[in-house]
Amino acid sequence: MTITNTTGTPKSYEQLNMLTPMEIEGSGATEPEMTLWIAVLNQAVRDAKALVQKVENDPALWSNPLFRSEVIHLKRYFRSQSMEPGSFTFICDLVGMDPEQAAKQINEQYLRHLMLITKHHTHTSMILAV
């Protein structure tokens, strides 16, 4: 599958916000479908960014089970290998992005900041939300 934007350059995660499905060869998806899936992926990234900002502003959120549940759900979404419609890997494949590379970038920018650090006696342990 080859997908190019108006400039003809390949798309990466960094270019996702500028992604417009102008030329879709072999995907079987219509332009409205591509627009929908791009919006789904953009929303997931915005959700990750919002969670990071929330916990940076209020670390006490880690004591909230609903907040921890949101973090777990979001991390599972980006780490899933599922090819079900709407999954991270499905959308990456549809828009021509490498899901491993995109997940790595999202992890570096957002998910790695979503860890609860607790102190136990003489050592520090990280409790990962997944």
N, C-alpha and C. Protein backbone atom coordinates (compact mmCIF):
# COMPACT_ATOMS: atom_id res chain seq x y z
N MET A 1 0.84 -1.17 0.00
CA MET A 1 0.00 0.00 0.00
C MET A 1 0.89 1.23 0.00
N THR A 2 0.59 2.17 -0.86
CA THR A 2 1.32 3.43 -0.91
C THR A 2 0.35 4.56 -0.63
N ILE A 3 0.71 5.40 0.31
CA ILE A 3 -0.11 6.56 0.63
C ILE A 3 0.82 7.76 0.62
N THR A 4 0.45 8.79 -0.10
CA THR A 4 1.27 9.99 -0.13
C THR A 4 0.40 11.19 0.16
N ASN A 5 1.04 12.23 0.70
CA ASN A 5 0.28 13.46 0.91
C ASN A 5 0.49 14.36 -0.31
N THR A 6 0.06 15.59 -0.23
CA THR A 6 0.12 16.47 -1.38
C THR A 6 1.54 16.73 -1.84
N THR A 7 2.52 16.61 -0.96
CA THR A 7 3.90 16.83 -1.36
C THR A 7 4.56 15.55 -1.83
N GLY A 8 3.89 14.41 -1.68
CA GLY A 8 4.42 13.14 -2.15
C GLY A 8 5.42 12.50 -1.21
N THR A 9 5.59 13.03 -0.02
CA THR A 9 6.55 12.46 0.91
C THR A 9 5.89 11.38 1.75
N PRO A 10 6.65 10.37 2.19
CA PRO A 10 6.06 9.35 3.05
C PRO A 10 5.67 9.94 4.40
N LYS A 11 4.68 9.34 5.01
CA LYS A 11 4.19 9.85 6.29
C LYS A 11 4.81 9.12 7.46
N SER A 12 5.08 9.85 8.52
CA SER A 12 5.55 9.28 9.77
C SER A 12 4.60 9.78 10.85
N TYR A 13 4.81 9.32 12.08
CA TYR A 13 3.95 9.77 13.17
C TYR A 13 3.99 11.29 13.31
N GLU A 14 5.17 11.89 13.13
CA GLU A 14 5.29 13.35 13.28
C GLU A 14 4.42 14.09 12.30
N GLN A 15 4.16 13.49 11.15
CA GLN A 15 3.38 14.15 10.11
C GLN A 15 1.89 13.82 10.21
N LEU A 16 1.49 13.07 11.22
CA LEU A 16 0.11 12.61 11.30
C LEU A 16 -0.89 13.75 11.31
N ASN A 17 -0.62 14.83 12.01
CA ASN A 17 -1.56 15.94 12.07
C ASN A 17 -1.74 16.61 10.71
N MET A 18 -0.76 16.46 9.84
CA MET A 18 -0.85 17.05 8.51
C MET A 18 -1.36 16.03 7.50
N LEU A 19 -1.63 14.82 7.95
CA LEU A 19 -2.01 13.74 7.07
C LEU A 19 -3.35 14.00 6.41
N THR A 20 -3.37 13.96 5.10
CA THR A 20 -4.61 14.05 4.36
C THR A 20 -4.60 12.95 3.32
N PRO A 21 -5.64 12.13 3.28
CA PRO A 21 -5.67 11.00 2.37
C PRO A 21 -5.96 11.42 0.93
N MET A 22 -4.97 12.01 0.30
CA MET A 22 -5.14 12.48 -1.07
C MET A 22 -4.99 11.36 -2.08
N GLU A 23 -4.06 10.47 -1.84
CA GLU A 23 -3.78 9.41 -2.80
C GLU A 23 -3.69 8.10 -2.04
N ILE A 24 -4.65 7.24 -2.24
CA ILE A 24 -4.71 5.98 -1.51
C ILE A 24 -4.72 4.85 -2.52
N GLU A 25 -3.62 4.11 -2.59
CA GLU A 25 -3.53 3.02 -3.55
C GLU A 25 -3.49 1.70 -2.82
N GLY A 26 -4.43 0.83 -3.10
CA GLY A 26 -4.40 -0.52 -2.56
C GLY A 26 -4.89 -0.67 -1.14
N SER A 27 -5.37 0.38 -0.50
CA SER A 27 -5.82 0.25 0.89
C SER A 27 -7.27 -0.23 0.95
N GLY A 28 -8.04 0.03 -0.08
CA GLY A 28 -9.45 -0.32 -0.06
C GLY A 28 -10.27 0.64 0.77
N ALA A 29 -9.64 1.63 1.37
CA ALA A 29 -10.35 2.58 2.21
C ALA A 29 -10.71 3.83 1.40
N THR A 30 -11.86 4.39 1.71
CA THR A 30 -12.27 5.63 1.07
C THR A 30 -11.66 6.80 1.83
N GLU A 31 -11.68 7.96 1.22
CA GLU A 31 -11.13 9.14 1.89
C GLU A 31 -11.84 9.43 3.21
N PRO A 32 -13.18 9.35 3.29
CA PRO A 32 -13.82 9.56 4.59
C PRO A 32 -13.40 8.54 5.65
N GLU A 33 -13.19 7.29 5.25
CA GLU A 33 -12.72 6.28 6.20
C GLU A 33 -11.33 6.62 6.71
N MET A 34 -10.46 7.02 5.81
CA MET A 34 -9.10 7.39 6.21
C MET A 34 -9.14 8.57 7.17
N THR A 35 -9.97 9.55 6.86
CA THR A 35 -10.10 10.72 7.72
C THR A 35 -10.57 10.32 9.11
N LEU A 36 -11.53 9.39 9.18
CA LEU A 36 -12.03 8.91 10.46
C LEU A 36 -10.93 8.24 11.26
N TRP A 37 -10.19 7.31 10.65
CA TRP A 37 -9.16 6.57 11.39
C TRP A 37 -8.01 7.48 11.81
N ILE A 38 -7.68 8.46 10.98
CA ILE A 38 -6.65 9.43 11.36
C ILE A 38 -7.11 10.22 12.58
N ALA A 39 -8.39 10.60 12.60
CA ALA A 39 -8.94 11.34 13.75
C ALA A 39 -8.92 10.47 15.01
N VAL A 40 -9.20 9.18 14.89
CA VAL A 40 -9.16 8.26 16.04
C VAL A 40 -7.75 8.21 16.61
N LEU A 41 -6.76 8.07 15.73
CA LEU A 41 -5.37 8.01 16.19
C LEU A 41 -4.92 9.33 16.80
N ASN A 42 -5.30 10.43 16.18
CA ASN A 42 -4.96 11.75 16.74
C ASN A 42 -5.57 11.92 18.12
N GLN A 43 -6.81 11.45 18.31
CA GLN A 43 -7.46 11.59 19.62
C GLN A 43 -6.73 10.77 20.68
N ALA A 44 -6.30 9.57 20.32
CA ALA A 44 -5.56 8.74 21.28
C ALA A 44 -4.27 9.43 21.71
N VAL A 45 -3.58 10.06 20.77
CA VAL A 45 -2.35 10.78 21.10
C VAL A 45 -2.67 11.99 21.98
N ARG A 46 -3.74 12.71 21.66
CA ARG A 46 -4.13 13.86 22.50
C ARG A 46 -4.49 13.38 23.91
N ASP A 47 -5.16 12.23 24.01
CA ASP A 47 -5.50 11.68 25.33
C ASP A 47 -4.23 11.37 26.14
N ALA A 48 -3.23 10.80 25.48
CA ALA A 48 -1.96 10.50 26.16
C ALA A 48 -1.32 11.79 26.66
N LYS A 49 -1.29 12.79 25.82
CA LYS A 49 -0.70 14.08 26.20
C LYS A 49 -1.46 14.69 27.38
N ALA A 50 -2.78 14.61 27.35
CA ALA A 50 -3.60 15.17 28.42
C ALA A 50 -3.35 14.46 29.75
N LEU A 51 -3.21 13.13 29.72
CA LEU A 51 -2.94 12.39 30.95
C LEU A 51 -1.59 12.78 31.55
N VAL A 52 -0.60 12.95 30.69
CA VAL A 52 0.73 13.37 31.17
C VAL A 52 0.61 14.74 31.84
N GLN A 53 -0.07 15.67 31.19
CA GLN A 53 -0.21 17.01 31.75
C GLN A 53 -0.98 16.99 33.07
N LYS A 54 -2.03 16.16 33.15
CA LYS A 54 -2.80 16.07 34.39
C LYS A 54 -1.94 15.60 35.56
N VAL A 55 -1.18 14.53 35.34
CA VAL A 55 -0.40 13.97 36.44
C VAL A 55 0.80 14.85 36.79
N GLU A 56 1.33 15.58 35.82
CA GLU A 56 2.41 16.52 36.13
C GLU A 56 1.89 17.65 37.01
N ASN A 57 0.66 18.08 36.76
CA ASN A 57 0.05 19.15 37.55
C ASN A 57 -0.44 18.67 38.91
N ASP A 58 -0.80 17.38 39.00
CA ASP A 58 -1.36 16.84 40.24
C ASP A 58 -0.95 15.38 40.43
N PRO A 59 0.26 15.14 40.95
CA PRO A 59 0.73 13.76 41.15
C PRO A 59 -0.18 12.91 42.04
N ALA A 60 -1.03 13.55 42.84
CA ALA A 60 -1.95 12.81 43.70
C ALA A 60 -2.98 12.03 42.89
N LEU A 61 -3.09 12.30 41.60
CA LEU A 61 -4.02 11.56 40.75
C LEU A 61 -3.73 10.07 40.74
N TRP A 62 -2.48 9.69 41.04
CA TRP A 62 -2.14 8.27 41.05
C TRP A 62 -2.96 7.51 42.09
N SER A 63 -3.47 8.21 43.09
CA SER A 63 -4.29 7.53 44.10
C SER A 63 -5.73 7.33 43.62
N ASN A 64 -6.07 7.90 42.48
CA ASN A 64 -7.41 7.78 41.92
C ASN A 64 -7.48 6.55 41.01
N PRO A 65 -8.30 5.55 41.37
CA PRO A 65 -8.39 4.33 40.55
C PRO A 65 -8.87 4.59 39.12
N LEU A 66 -9.72 5.58 38.93
CA LEU A 66 -10.19 5.89 37.57
C LEU A 66 -9.05 6.44 36.70
N PHE A 67 -8.21 7.28 37.29
CA PHE A 67 -7.06 7.80 36.55
C PHE A 67 -6.12 6.66 36.17
N ARG A 68 -5.80 5.79 37.14
CA ARG A 68 -4.92 4.66 36.86
C ARG A 68 -5.52 3.76 35.77
N SER A 69 -6.83 3.58 35.80
CA SER A 69 -7.50 2.77 34.79
C SER A 69 -7.36 3.40 33.40
N GLU A 70 -7.49 4.72 33.32
CA GLU A 70 -7.31 5.41 32.04
C GLU A 70 -5.89 5.20 31.49
N VAL A 71 -4.91 5.30 32.38
CA VAL A 71 -3.51 5.11 31.98
C VAL A 71 -3.31 3.69 31.45
N ILE A 72 -3.81 2.71 32.18
CA ILE A 72 -3.67 1.31 31.76
C ILE A 72 -4.32 1.09 30.40
N HIS A 73 -5.52 1.61 30.22
CA HIS A 73 -6.25 1.45 28.96
C HIS A 73 -5.46 2.06 27.80
N LEU A 74 -4.95 3.26 28.00
CA LEU A 74 -4.22 3.95 26.94
C LEU A 74 -2.93 3.23 26.59
N LYS A 75 -2.20 2.76 27.58
CA LYS A 75 -0.96 2.03 27.31
C LYS A 75 -1.25 0.73 26.56
N ARG A 76 -2.30 0.05 26.96
CA ARG A 76 -2.67 -1.18 26.26
C ARG A 76 -3.04 -0.91 24.81
N TYR A 77 -3.71 0.20 24.56
CA TYR A 77 -4.09 0.55 23.19
C TYR A 77 -2.85 0.68 22.31
N PHE A 78 -1.87 1.44 22.77
CA PHE A 78 -0.68 1.68 21.96
C PHE A 78 0.24 0.47 21.88
N ARG A 79 0.15 -0.45 22.82
CA ARG A 79 1.02 -1.63 22.82
C ARG A 79 0.37 -2.86 22.18
N SER A 80 -0.90 -2.78 21.89
CA SER A 80 -1.62 -3.92 21.33
C SER A 80 -1.13 -4.24 19.92
N GLN A 81 -1.10 -5.52 19.62
CA GLN A 81 -0.73 -5.98 18.28
C GLN A 81 -1.97 -6.37 17.47
N SER A 82 -3.13 -6.11 18.01
CA SER A 82 -4.40 -6.46 17.36
C SER A 82 -4.53 -5.76 16.01
N MET A 83 -5.13 -6.46 15.07
CA MET A 83 -5.42 -5.86 13.76
C MET A 83 -6.92 -5.61 13.60
N GLU A 84 -7.65 -5.62 14.71
CA GLU A 84 -9.09 -5.34 14.68
C GLU A 84 -9.29 -3.89 14.23
N PRO A 85 -10.38 -3.60 13.51
CA PRO A 85 -10.65 -2.21 13.11
C PRO A 85 -10.66 -1.28 14.32
N GLY A 86 -9.93 -0.19 14.20
CA GLY A 86 -9.83 0.79 15.27
C GLY A 86 -8.60 0.62 16.14
N SER A 87 -7.95 -0.55 16.05
CA SER A 87 -6.75 -0.75 16.87
C SER A 87 -5.61 0.11 16.34
N PHE A 88 -4.65 0.34 17.20
CA PHE A 88 -3.50 1.16 16.83
C PHE A 88 -2.77 0.57 15.62
N THR A 89 -2.51 -0.73 15.65
CA THR A 89 -1.79 -1.38 14.55
C THR A 89 -2.60 -1.31 13.26
N PHE A 90 -3.89 -1.52 13.35
CA PHE A 90 -4.78 -1.44 12.18
C PHE A 90 -4.68 -0.06 11.53
N ILE A 91 -4.79 0.99 12.36
CA ILE A 91 -4.76 2.35 11.82
C ILE A 91 -3.39 2.68 11.22
N CYS A 92 -2.33 2.31 11.92
CA CYS A 92 -0.99 2.55 11.39
C CYS A 92 -0.82 1.88 10.03
N ASP A 93 -1.24 0.64 9.93
CA ASP A 93 -1.15 -0.09 8.67
C ASP A 93 -1.96 0.59 7.59
N LEU A 94 -3.15 1.04 7.92
CA LEU A 94 -4.03 1.68 6.95
C LEU A 94 -3.43 2.96 6.39
N VAL A 95 -2.78 3.74 7.26
CA VAL A 95 -2.23 5.03 6.81
C VAL A 95 -0.77 4.94 6.39
N GLY A 96 -0.21 3.72 6.41
CA GLY A 96 1.14 3.53 5.91
C GLY A 96 2.25 3.87 6.88
N MET A 97 1.97 3.82 8.17
CA MET A 97 3.01 4.07 9.17
C MET A 97 3.48 2.75 9.76
N ASP A 98 4.73 2.68 10.15
CA ASP A 98 5.26 1.52 10.85
C ASP A 98 4.74 1.58 12.29
N PRO A 99 3.90 0.61 12.71
CA PRO A 99 3.33 0.68 14.05
C PRO A 99 4.37 0.60 15.17
N GLU A 100 5.44 -0.15 14.97
CA GLU A 100 6.48 -0.24 15.99
C GLU A 100 7.19 1.09 16.17
N GLN A 101 7.52 1.74 15.07
CA GLN A 101 8.19 3.04 15.14
C GLN A 101 7.27 4.10 15.74
N ALA A 102 6.00 4.10 15.31
CA ALA A 102 5.05 5.07 15.85
C ALA A 102 4.86 4.85 17.35
N ALA A 103 4.72 3.58 17.78
CA ALA A 103 4.55 3.27 19.21
C ALA A 103 5.78 3.71 20.00
N LYS A 104 6.95 3.51 19.42
CA LYS A 104 8.18 3.92 20.09
C LYS A 104 8.19 5.44 20.31
N GLN A 105 7.79 6.18 19.29
CA GLN A 105 7.76 7.64 19.40
C GLN A 105 6.73 8.09 20.44
N ILE A 106 5.57 7.46 20.43
CA ILE A 106 4.52 7.82 21.40
C ILE A 106 4.97 7.47 22.81
N ASN A 107 5.63 6.33 22.95
CA ASN A 107 6.15 5.93 24.27
C ASN A 107 7.17 6.95 24.77
N GLU A 108 8.09 7.35 23.91
CA GLU A 108 9.13 8.30 24.31
C GLU A 108 8.55 9.66 24.66
N GLN A 109 7.54 10.09 23.92
CA GLN A 109 6.98 11.42 24.15
C GLN A 109 5.98 11.46 25.29
N TYR A 110 5.22 10.38 25.49
CA TYR A 110 4.13 10.44 26.45
C TYR A 110 4.11 9.30 27.46
N LEU A 111 4.04 8.07 26.99
CA LEU A 111 3.77 6.94 27.88
C LEU A 111 4.83 6.73 28.95
N ARG A 112 6.09 7.02 28.64
CA ARG A 112 7.14 6.80 29.64
C ARG A 112 6.97 7.76 30.83
N HIS A 113 6.21 8.82 30.64
CA HIS A 113 5.95 9.77 31.72
C HIS A 113 4.80 9.32 32.61
N LEU A 114 4.10 8.28 32.19
CA LEU A 114 2.94 7.81 32.94
C LEU A 114 3.31 6.60 33.80
N MET A 115 4.19 6.84 34.75
CA MET A 115 4.62 5.81 35.69
C MET A 115 4.54 6.38 37.09
N LEU A 116 4.08 5.56 38.00
CA LEU A 116 4.04 5.94 39.40
C LEU A 116 5.33 5.48 40.05
N ILE A 117 6.04 6.39 40.67
CA ILE A 117 7.29 6.06 41.35
C ILE A 117 7.02 6.07 42.85
N THR A 118 7.31 4.95 43.51
CA THR A 118 7.12 4.85 44.95
C THR A 118 8.43 4.50 45.61
N LYS A 119 8.60 4.94 46.84
CA LYS A 119 9.82 4.63 47.59
C LYS A 119 9.51 3.54 48.60
N HIS A 120 10.34 2.51 48.62
CA HIS A 120 10.22 1.41 49.57
C HIS A 120 11.53 1.29 50.33
N HIS A 121 11.51 1.56 51.59
CA HIS A 121 12.67 1.44 52.48
C HIS A 121 13.95 2.00 51.83
N THR A 122 14.80 1.14 51.26
CA THR A 122 16.09 1.60 50.77
C THR A 122 16.17 1.64 49.25
N HIS A 123 15.11 1.29 48.56
CA HIS A 123 15.17 1.32 47.10
C HIS A 123 13.92 1.98 46.52
N THR A 124 14.04 2.39 45.31
CA THR A 124 12.92 2.99 44.60
C THR A 124 12.44 2.00 43.55
N SER A 125 11.14 1.81 43.48
CA SER A 125 10.61 0.92 42.44
C SER A 125 9.60 1.69 41.61
N MET A 126 9.49 1.30 40.38
CA MET A 126 8.54 1.94 39.47
C MET A 126 7.38 0.98 39.27
N ILE A 127 6.20 1.49 39.47
CA ILE A 127 5.01 0.69 39.22
C ILE A 127 4.47 1.12 37.87
N LEU A 128 4.59 0.24 36.90
CA LEU A 128 4.12 0.54 35.56
C LEU A 128 2.66 0.23 35.46
N ALA A 129 1.94 1.08 34.81
CA ALA A 129 0.50 0.89 34.68
C ALA A 129 0.19 -0.02 33.51
N VAL A 130 0.68 -1.21 33.53
CA VAL A 130 0.31 -2.26 32.56
C VAL A 130 0.91 -3.56 33.01
